[in-house]
Every structure is written in structure tokens, then in C-alpha cells.
Amino acid sequence: MSSSTTSKRTTSTPDGQGRQRLLLAIGGLVVLAFIVGIAVLSTGERGSRVTTEDLAGNPAIEGEPLAPGGQDQPNDPEVGSQAPVVTGADFDGTPVTIGEPGTPQLLMFMASWCPACQEELRSVSPWLAEGGLREDVALVAVSTGLDDTRPNWPPDEWFESEGFEYPVLVDDADGSVASAYGLTATPFWVGLDAQGQVVARAAGMLPVDQIQVLADAVAGGPA
């Protein structure tokens, strides 16, 4: 009886070890498959990341470019000049035009990686949402300085996260629209009257009270 019991125990051990090895092997394969799956997904995400070329616009620019300016506002030689007319699109492909005579415009050139632009948009967006801008002036942002290697990319998500609900014309990868308007720094403001002529340009941040003054100027006086 004792011998029989011992024999059974002896013959059952290799089977148990085999099952353990099999379970360990299966577990290892599951873990490996999981790791490979994560790696594939990660690679896919990186591969589908929006690049500068993906996001850049293809705006058409008509008219003479403005000389660089905006830093010496009272003596800007381009005040009174006809602004270039730019036909482009928003991030979602909606047509956007700036510089065309008809409605006074405030143009806000912004680069998503620019800390001053980030602070400016954070200040301006609530003011706009509360109806701070007079209704007879159109505000259009120009997303320029596109660079997918710099922080706060992509810019469409940045504008959305700040609650900015106004049109955004997307510049091309070379910053052609910014160059056509004589941008010297970001943020960069340009005020155009109803004839499409430059009323003022400003390089750097503007507090909302100064933006309101600029809006009055392009509209021809206080509302």
C-alpha cells in the first residue's frame, strides 16, 4: 500500500511541473503580446501626430506687403496704407478673409508657443465671450509661427482650450501672412478700417482697454 502511494506521488510530479511550465510559458506570451500591443499603439499615435505640414494653411495673398513695424506705433509709416487681402481658411477648412474692404477688422497674430501670446489669449478670450468687443468690428486671429517641435502644439487645440470662438486664419509654414503684414513680434495687432487701410499696428501684448480703444479707432469713433 505504501509503495503504491509513493509510486503515484512520484509519477504525478513531472506532470505538475509540466503544467507549471506550460502556464508560465502562456503567461509570458500574454505579457509579451501586451507589451508589443502597447508599442504598436504608441507607434501609431506618434505616426498620426499632427505635423506643421499637416496643419499649415495655403493662403492667397494679394496686394503690396507692409513694411515691418508695430513697435513705434505713433510713427508707423504704414498707417493709411492699403492692407494686403488674404484669403485662407480656419483649422476646419472654413474660409477666412482678412484685409478686404467692408467691415473694420482687428487682426491678432498669435504663435501658440509664445508665452506672451498664451497670456494674451487667456486675457482676451473671456473679454470677448462677455461681449467686450463692439459688434461693428470683426476680430480675426492669425495662427502663425507654426512649429510642431515647440511647446503648446497643436494651436487649434490651444485656441479651443482657451474658449476662443472667433475665426482663425491659419498661416502657411513660412509665415507668409505674418510677413505680408510686417509682423515684428508676437502677439501682433493690426487695426484695419472699413476701407481695408491700416489704422494702427502694435507689437506685444495689449490690455483689453487698449484693444477697445483700437476697436473704436478702426470703427471711426466710439460706439
C-alpha atoms as a PDB file:
ATOM      1  CA  MET A   1       0.000   0.000   0.000  1.00  0.00           C
ATOM      2  CA  SER A   2       2.793   2.371   0.990  1.00  0.00           C
ATOM      3  CA  SER A   3       4.731   1.513  -2.157  1.00  0.00           C
ATOM      4  CA  SER A   4       1.704   2.130  -4.352  1.00  0.00           C
ATOM      5  CA  THR A   5       1.096   5.537  -2.777  1.00  0.00           C
ATOM      6  CA  THR A   6       4.720   6.533  -3.212  1.00  0.00           C
ATOM      7  CA  SER A   7       4.631   5.471  -6.827  1.00  0.00           C
ATOM      8  CA  LYS A   8       1.586   7.594  -7.526  1.00  0.00           C
ATOM      9  CA  ARG A   9       3.207  10.603  -5.941  1.00  0.00           C
ATOM     10  CA  THR A  10       6.406  10.054  -7.935  1.00  0.00           C
ATOM     11  CA  THR A  11       4.638   9.775 -11.275  1.00  0.00           C
ATOM     12  CA  SER A  12       2.408  12.816 -10.599  1.00  0.00           C
ATOM     13  CA  THR A  13       5.319  15.270 -10.018  1.00  0.00           C
ATOM     14  CA  PRO A  14       6.563  15.530 -13.618  1.00  0.00           C
ATOM     15  CA  ASP A  15       3.006  16.195 -14.796  1.00  0.00           C
ATOM     16  CA  GLY A  16       2.612  19.035 -12.296  1.00  0.00           C
ATOM     17  CA  GLN A  17       5.916  20.538 -13.304  1.00  0.00           C
ATOM     18  CA  GLY A  18       4.926  20.329 -16.944  1.00  0.00           C
ATOM     19  CA  ARG A  19       1.679  22.086 -16.271  1.00  0.00           C
ATOM     20  CA  GLN A  20       3.520  24.804 -14.354  1.00  0.00           C
ATOM     21  CA  ARG A  21       5.960  25.267 -17.214  1.00  0.00           C
ATOM     22  CA  LEU A  22       3.076  25.462 -19.680  1.00  0.00           C
ATOM     23  CA  LEU A  23       1.227  28.022 -17.574  1.00  0.00           C
ATOM     24  CA  LEU A  24       4.385  30.099 -17.181  1.00  0.00           C
ATOM     25  CA  ALA A  25       5.011  29.962 -20.912  1.00  0.00           C
ATOM     26  CA  ILE A  26       1.438  31.034 -21.695  1.00  0.00           C
ATOM     27  CA  GLY A  27       1.681  33.832 -19.139  1.00  0.00           C
ATOM     28  CA  GLY A  28       4.924  35.011 -20.685  1.00  0.00           C
ATOM     29  CA  LEU A  29       3.378  35.057 -24.143  1.00  0.00           C
ATOM     30  CA  VAL A  30       0.398  37.065 -22.877  1.00  0.00           C
ATOM     31  CA  VAL A  31       2.684  39.619 -21.255  1.00  0.00           C
ATOM     32  CA  LEU A  32       4.822  39.808 -24.403  1.00  0.00           C
ATOM     33  CA  ALA A  33       1.755  40.274 -26.576  1.00  0.00           C
ATOM     34  CA  PHE A  34       0.536  43.042 -24.269  1.00  0.00           C
ATOM     35  CA  ILE A  35       3.888  44.844 -24.441  1.00  0.00           C
ATOM     36  CA  VAL A  36       4.016  44.517 -28.219  1.00  0.00           C
ATOM     37  CA  GLY A  37       0.444  45.811 -28.473  1.00  0.00           C
ATOM     38  CA  ILE A  38       1.277  48.862 -26.392  1.00  0.00           C
ATOM     39  CA  ALA A  39       4.352  49.521 -28.513  1.00  0.00           C
ATOM     40  CA  VAL A  40       2.320  49.283 -31.719  1.00  0.00           C
ATOM     41  CA  LEU A  41      -0.325  51.625 -30.373  1.00  0.00           C
ATOM     42  CA  SER A  42       2.303  54.093 -29.227  1.00  0.00           C
ATOM     43  CA  THR A  43       3.994  53.981 -32.604  1.00  0.00           C
ATOM     44  CA  GLY A  44       0.644  54.510 -34.277  1.00  0.00           C
ATOM     45  CA  GLU A  45      -0.064  57.525 -32.104  1.00  0.00           C
ATOM     46  CA  ARG A  46       3.311  59.071 -32.904  1.00  0.00           C
ATOM     47  CA  GLY A  47       2.824  58.322 -36.575  1.00  0.00           C
ATOM     48  CA  SER A  48      -0.562  60.071 -36.609  1.00  0.00           C
ATOM     49  CA  ARG A  49       0.656  63.173 -34.735  1.00  0.00           C
ATOM     50  CA  VAL A  50      -0.242  66.400 -36.471  1.00  0.00           C
ATOM     51  CA  THR A  51       2.805  67.998 -38.070  1.00  0.00           C
ATOM     52  CA  THR A  52       3.459  71.541 -39.217  1.00  0.00           C
ATOM     53  CA  GLU A  53       2.889  70.470 -42.813  1.00  0.00           C
ATOM     54  CA  ASP A  54      -0.423  68.821 -41.881  1.00  0.00           C
ATOM     55  CA  LEU A  55      -1.768  71.904 -40.151  1.00  0.00           C
ATOM     56  CA  ALA A  56      -0.318  74.741 -42.235  1.00  0.00           C
ATOM     57  CA  GLY A  57      -2.678  76.672 -44.447  1.00  0.00           C
ATOM     58  CA  ASN A  58      -2.327  77.711 -48.055  1.00  0.00           C
ATOM     59  CA  PRO A  59      -3.489  81.329 -48.006  1.00  0.00           C
ATOM     60  CA  ALA A  60      -3.582  83.501 -51.128  1.00  0.00           C
ATOM     61  CA  ILE A  61      -2.145  86.992 -50.634  1.00  0.00           C
ATOM     62  CA  GLU A  62      -2.988  89.932 -52.907  1.00  0.00           C
ATOM     63  CA  GLY A  63      -1.537  93.420 -52.659  1.00  0.00           C
ATOM     64  CA  GLU A  64       1.694  95.030 -51.553  1.00  0.00           C
ATOM     65  CA  PRO A  65       3.213  93.759 -48.315  1.00  0.00           C
ATOM     66  CA  LEU A  66       3.518  96.154 -45.394  1.00  0.00           C
ATOM     67  CA  ALA A  67       6.940  97.133 -44.108  1.00  0.00           C
ATOM     68  CA  PRO A  68       7.918  95.659 -40.718  1.00  0.00           C
ATOM     69  CA  GLY A  69       6.542  97.783 -37.901  1.00  0.00           C
ATOM     70  CA  GLY A  70       4.306  97.962 -34.874  1.00  0.00           C
ATOM     71  CA  GLN A  71       6.971  98.764 -32.316  1.00  0.00           C
ATOM     72  CA  ASP A  72       6.929 102.532 -32.884  1.00  0.00           C
ATOM     73  CA  GLN A  73       3.175 102.970 -33.049  1.00  0.00           C
ATOM     74  CA  PRO A  74       2.842 106.782 -33.329  1.00  0.00           C
ATOM     75  CA  ASN A  75       5.299 106.901 -36.237  1.00  0.00           C
ATOM     76  CA  ASP A  76       4.282 103.787 -38.167  1.00  0.00           C
ATOM     77  CA  PRO A  77       4.806 104.708 -41.844  1.00  0.00           C
ATOM     78  CA  GLU A  78       2.228 102.155 -42.955  1.00  0.00           C
ATOM     79  CA  VAL A  79      -0.711 103.878 -41.247  1.00  0.00           C
ATOM     80  CA  GLY A  80      -3.099 104.783 -44.067  1.00  0.00           C
ATOM     81  CA  SER A  81      -1.688 102.095 -46.384  1.00  0.00           C
ATOM     82  CA  GLN A  82      -3.925  99.552 -48.041  1.00  0.00           C
ATOM     83  CA  ALA A  83      -3.517  96.218 -46.306  1.00  0.00           C
ATOM     84  CA  PRO A  84      -2.940  93.015 -48.279  1.00  0.00           C
ATOM     85  CA  VAL A  85      -6.065  90.954 -48.829  1.00  0.00           C
ATOM     86  CA  VAL A  86      -5.548  87.398 -47.636  1.00  0.00           C
ATOM     87  CA  THR A  87      -7.925  84.566 -48.459  1.00  0.00           C
ATOM     88  CA  GLY A  88      -7.360  81.463 -46.377  1.00  0.00           C
ATOM     89  CA  ALA A  89      -9.132  79.108 -44.035  1.00  0.00           C
ATOM     90  CA  ASP A  90      -9.716  78.200 -40.423  1.00  0.00           C
ATOM     91  CA  PHE A  91      -8.380  74.957 -38.913  1.00  0.00           C
ATOM     92  CA  ASP A  92     -11.516  73.137 -40.056  1.00  0.00           C
ATOM     93  CA  GLY A  93     -11.334  74.495 -43.616  1.00  0.00           C
ATOM     94  CA  THR A  94     -13.904  77.278 -43.181  1.00  0.00           C
ATOM     95  CA  PRO A  95     -12.957  80.197 -45.468  1.00  0.00           C
ATOM     96  CA  VAL A  96     -11.490  83.253 -43.703  1.00  0.00           C
ATOM     97  CA  THR A  97     -10.539  86.547 -45.349  1.00  0.00           C
ATOM     98  CA  ILE A  98      -8.649  89.496 -43.889  1.00  0.00           C
ATOM     99  CA  GLY A  99      -7.896  92.919 -45.332  1.00  0.00           C
ATOM    100  CA  GLU A 100     -10.927  93.051 -47.588  1.00  0.00           C
ATOM    101  CA  PRO A 101     -12.810  96.390 -47.501  1.00  0.00           C
ATOM    102  CA  GLY A 102     -16.258  96.297 -45.944  1.00  0.00           C
ATOM    103  CA  THR A 103     -16.067  95.733 -42.186  1.00  0.00           C
ATOM    104  CA  PRO A 104     -13.468  97.188 -39.805  1.00  0.00           C
ATOM    105  CA  GLN A 105     -11.184  94.433 -38.536  1.00  0.00           C
ATOM    106  CA  LEU A 106      -8.879  93.761 -35.630  1.00  0.00           C
ATOM    107  CA  LEU A 107      -6.219  91.197 -36.506  1.00  0.00           C
ATOM    108  CA  MET A 108      -4.478  89.312 -33.729  1.00  0.00           C
ATOM    109  CA  PHE A 109      -1.366  87.419 -34.881  1.00  0.00           C
ATOM    110  CA  MET A 110      -0.563  84.636 -32.415  1.00  0.00           C
ATOM    111  CA  ALA A 111       2.037  81.862 -32.102  1.00  0.00           C
ATOM    112  CA  SER A 112       0.959  79.015 -29.829  1.00  0.00           C
ATOM    113  CA  TRP A 113       4.472  78.543 -28.377  1.00  0.00           C
ATOM    114  CA  CYS A 114       4.791  82.243 -27.447  1.00  0.00           C
ATOM    115  CA  PRO A 115       4.303  82.794 -23.671  1.00  0.00           C
ATOM    116  CA  ALA A 116       3.087  86.366 -24.223  1.00  0.00           C
ATOM    117  CA  CYS A 117       0.528  85.086 -26.752  1.00  0.00           C
ATOM    118  CA  GLN A 118      -0.656  82.485 -24.275  1.00  0.00           C
ATOM    119  CA  GLU A 119      -1.153  85.159 -21.641  1.00  0.00           C
ATOM    120  CA  GLU A 120      -2.834  87.477 -24.143  1.00  0.00           C
ATOM    121  CA  LEU A 121      -5.307  84.858 -25.334  1.00  0.00           C
ATOM    122  CA  ARG A 122      -6.074  83.904 -21.736  1.00  0.00           C
ATOM    123  CA  SER A 123      -6.960  87.543 -21.079  1.00  0.00           C
ATOM    124  CA  VAL A 124      -8.768  88.358 -24.324  1.00  0.00           C
ATOM    125  CA  SER A 125     -10.989  85.269 -24.634  1.00  0.00           C
ATOM    126  CA  PRO A 126     -13.140  85.936 -21.521  1.00  0.00           C
ATOM    127  CA  TRP A 127     -13.453  89.593 -22.501  1.00  0.00           C
ATOM    128  CA  LEU A 128     -14.696  88.592 -25.938  1.00  0.00           C
ATOM    129  CA  ALA A 129     -17.054  85.980 -24.503  1.00  0.00           C
ATOM    130  CA  GLU A 130     -18.605  88.643 -22.284  1.00  0.00           C
ATOM    131  CA  GLY A 131     -19.305  90.874 -25.292  1.00  0.00           C
ATOM    132  CA  GLY A 132     -16.436  93.279 -24.712  1.00  0.00           C
ATOM    133  CA  LEU A 133     -15.795  93.879 -28.412  1.00  0.00           C
ATOM    134  CA  ARG A 134     -18.202  96.208 -30.186  1.00  0.00           C
ATOM    135  CA  GLU A 135     -20.412  94.466 -32.747  1.00  0.00           C
ATOM    136  CA  ASP A 136     -19.425  96.591 -35.755  1.00  0.00           C
ATOM    137  CA  VAL A 137     -15.790  95.425 -35.579  1.00  0.00           C
ATOM    138  CA  ALA A 138     -14.715  91.941 -36.677  1.00  0.00           C
ATOM    139  CA  LEU A 139     -11.882  90.228 -34.842  1.00  0.00           C
ATOM    140  CA  VAL A 140      -9.811  87.593 -36.609  1.00  0.00           C
ATOM    141  CA  ALA A 141      -6.848  85.713 -35.179  1.00  0.00           C
ATOM    142  CA  VAL A 142      -3.990  84.627 -37.418  1.00  0.00           C
ATOM    143  CA  SER A 143      -2.230  81.475 -36.261  1.00  0.00           C
ATOM    144  CA  THR A 144       1.367  81.919 -37.354  1.00  0.00           C
ATOM    145  CA  GLY A 145       4.845  80.717 -36.395  1.00  0.00           C
ATOM    146  CA  LEU A 146       3.693  77.121 -36.879  1.00  0.00           C
ATOM    147  CA  ASP A 147       6.276  74.736 -35.445  1.00  0.00           C
ATOM    148  CA  ASP A 148       5.453  71.223 -34.254  1.00  0.00           C
ATOM    149  CA  THR A 149       8.761  70.973 -32.375  1.00  0.00           C
ATOM    150  CA  ARG A 150       7.872  73.774 -29.961  1.00  0.00           C
ATOM    151  CA  PRO A 151       5.610  73.746 -26.870  1.00  0.00           C
ATOM    152  CA  ASN A 152       1.826  74.090 -26.814  1.00  0.00           C
ATOM    153  CA  TRP A 153       1.263  72.243 -30.075  1.00  0.00           C
ATOM    154  CA  PRO A 154      -1.098  71.990 -31.926  1.00  0.00           C
ATOM    155  CA  PRO A 155      -2.507  75.539 -31.990  1.00  0.00           C
ATOM    156  CA  ASP A 156      -6.074  74.540 -32.860  1.00  0.00           C
ATOM    157  CA  GLU A 157      -6.359  72.716 -29.537  1.00  0.00           C
ATOM    158  CA  TRP A 158      -4.856  75.725 -27.777  1.00  0.00           C
ATOM    159  CA  PHE A 159      -7.434  78.158 -29.181  1.00  0.00           C
ATOM    160  CA  GLU A 160     -10.214  75.742 -28.303  1.00  0.00           C
ATOM    161  CA  SER A 161      -8.944  75.175 -24.759  1.00  0.00           C
ATOM    162  CA  GLU A 162      -8.970  78.947 -24.139  1.00  0.00           C
ATOM    163  CA  GLY A 163     -12.565  79.237 -25.331  1.00  0.00           C
ATOM    164  CA  PHE A 164     -11.692  81.379 -28.353  1.00  0.00           C
ATOM    165  CA  GLU A 165     -14.716  81.285 -30.671  1.00  0.00           C
ATOM    166  CA  TYR A 166     -13.690  83.813 -33.318  1.00  0.00           C
ATOM    167  CA  PRO A 167     -12.306  82.985 -36.790  1.00  0.00           C
ATOM    168  CA  VAL A 168      -8.676  81.900 -37.007  1.00  0.00           C
ATOM    169  CA  LEU A 169      -6.858  82.213 -40.313  1.00  0.00           C
ATOM    170  CA  VAL A 170      -4.080  79.630 -40.491  1.00  0.00           C
ATOM    171  CA  ASP A 171      -0.807  80.938 -41.900  1.00  0.00           C
ATOM    172  CA  ASP A 172       1.409  78.788 -44.094  1.00  0.00           C
ATOM    173  CA  ALA A 173       4.554  77.068 -42.820  1.00  0.00           C
ATOM    174  CA  ASP A 174       6.712  80.005 -43.957  1.00  0.00           C
ATOM    175  CA  GLY A 175       4.679  82.651 -42.116  1.00  0.00           C
ATOM    176  CA  SER A 176       3.788  84.426 -45.347  1.00  0.00           C
ATOM    177  CA  VAL A 177       0.732  86.215 -43.946  1.00  0.00           C
ATOM    178  CA  ALA A 178       2.700  87.483 -40.952  1.00  0.00           C
ATOM    179  CA  SER A 179       5.416  88.770 -43.291  1.00  0.00           C
ATOM    180  CA  ALA A 180       2.853  90.450 -45.547  1.00  0.00           C
ATOM    181  CA  TYR A 181       1.537  92.409 -42.558  1.00  0.00           C
ATOM    182  CA  GLY A 182       5.002  93.356 -41.317  1.00  0.00           C
ATOM    183  CA  LEU A 183       4.994  91.312 -38.120  1.00  0.00           C
ATOM    184  CA  THR A 184       7.975  92.034 -35.892  1.00  0.00           C
ATOM    185  CA  ALA A 185       6.962  90.170 -32.712  1.00  0.00           C
ATOM    186  CA  THR A 186       4.098  88.158 -31.283  1.00  0.00           C
ATOM    187  CA  PRO A 187       1.467  88.938 -30.290  1.00  0.00           C
ATOM    188  CA  PHE A 188       0.993  91.405 -33.122  1.00  0.00           C
ATOM    189  CA  TRP A 189      -2.101  93.562 -33.531  1.00  0.00           C
ATOM    190  CA  VAL A 190      -3.301  95.258 -36.716  1.00  0.00           C
ATOM    191  CA  GLY A 191      -6.341  97.519 -36.934  1.00  0.00           C
ATOM    192  CA  LEU A 192      -7.995  97.991 -40.340  1.00  0.00           C
ATOM    193  CA  ASP A 193     -10.798 100.424 -41.138  1.00  0.00           C
ATOM    194  CA  ALA A 194     -13.781  99.751 -43.378  1.00  0.00           C
ATOM    195  CA  GLN A 195     -11.677 100.616 -46.455  1.00  0.00           C
ATOM    196  CA  GLY A 196      -9.096  97.986 -45.561  1.00  0.00           C
ATOM    197  CA  GLN A 197      -6.497 100.588 -44.621  1.00  0.00           C
ATOM    198  CA  VAL A 198      -4.102 100.310 -41.700  1.00  0.00           C
ATOM    199  CA  VAL A 199      -5.193 102.392 -38.711  1.00  0.00           C
ATOM    200  CA  ALA A 200      -2.585 101.093 -36.277  1.00  0.00           C
ATOM    201  CA  ARG A 201      -0.201  98.215 -35.600  1.00  0.00           C
ATOM    202  CA  ALA A 202       1.162  97.108 -32.238  1.00  0.00           C
ATOM    203  CA  ALA A 203       3.824  94.524 -31.403  1.00  0.00           C
ATOM    204  CA  GLY A 204       3.377  92.955 -27.999  1.00  0.00           C
ATOM    205  CA  MET A 205       0.540  92.435 -25.556  1.00  0.00           C
ATOM    206  CA  LEU A 206      -2.367  94.880 -25.346  1.00  0.00           C
ATOM    207  CA  PRO A 207      -4.648  95.108 -22.308  1.00  0.00           C
ATOM    208  CA  VAL A 208      -8.347  94.890 -23.130  1.00  0.00           C
ATOM    209  CA  ASP A 209      -8.917  98.612 -22.561  1.00  0.00           C
ATOM    210  CA  GLN A 210      -6.363  99.401 -25.275  1.00  0.00           C
ATOM    211  CA  ILE A 211      -7.952  96.826 -27.566  1.00  0.00           C
ATOM    212  CA  GLN A 212     -11.235  98.664 -27.072  1.00  0.00           C
ATOM    213  CA  VAL A 213      -9.548 101.963 -27.974  1.00  0.00           C
ATOM    214  CA  LEU A 214      -8.156 100.338 -31.120  1.00  0.00           C
ATOM    215  CA  ALA A 215     -11.616  98.976 -31.973  1.00  0.00           C
ATOM    216  CA  ASP A 216     -13.072 102.488 -31.642  1.00  0.00           C
ATOM    217  CA  ALA A 217     -10.335 103.824 -33.899  1.00  0.00           C
ATOM    218  CA  VAL A 218     -10.952 101.340 -36.718  1.00  0.00           C
ATOM    219  CA  ALA A 219     -14.711 101.901 -36.465  1.00  0.00           C
ATOM    220  CA  GLY A 220     -14.295 105.671 -36.775  1.00  0.00           C
ATOM    221  CA  GLY A 221     -15.196 106.635 -33.221  1.00  0.00           C
ATOM    222  CA  PRO A 222     -16.881 105.432 -30.019  1.00  0.00           C
ATOM    223  CA  ALA A 223     -19.984 103.298 -30.412  1.00  0.00           C
END
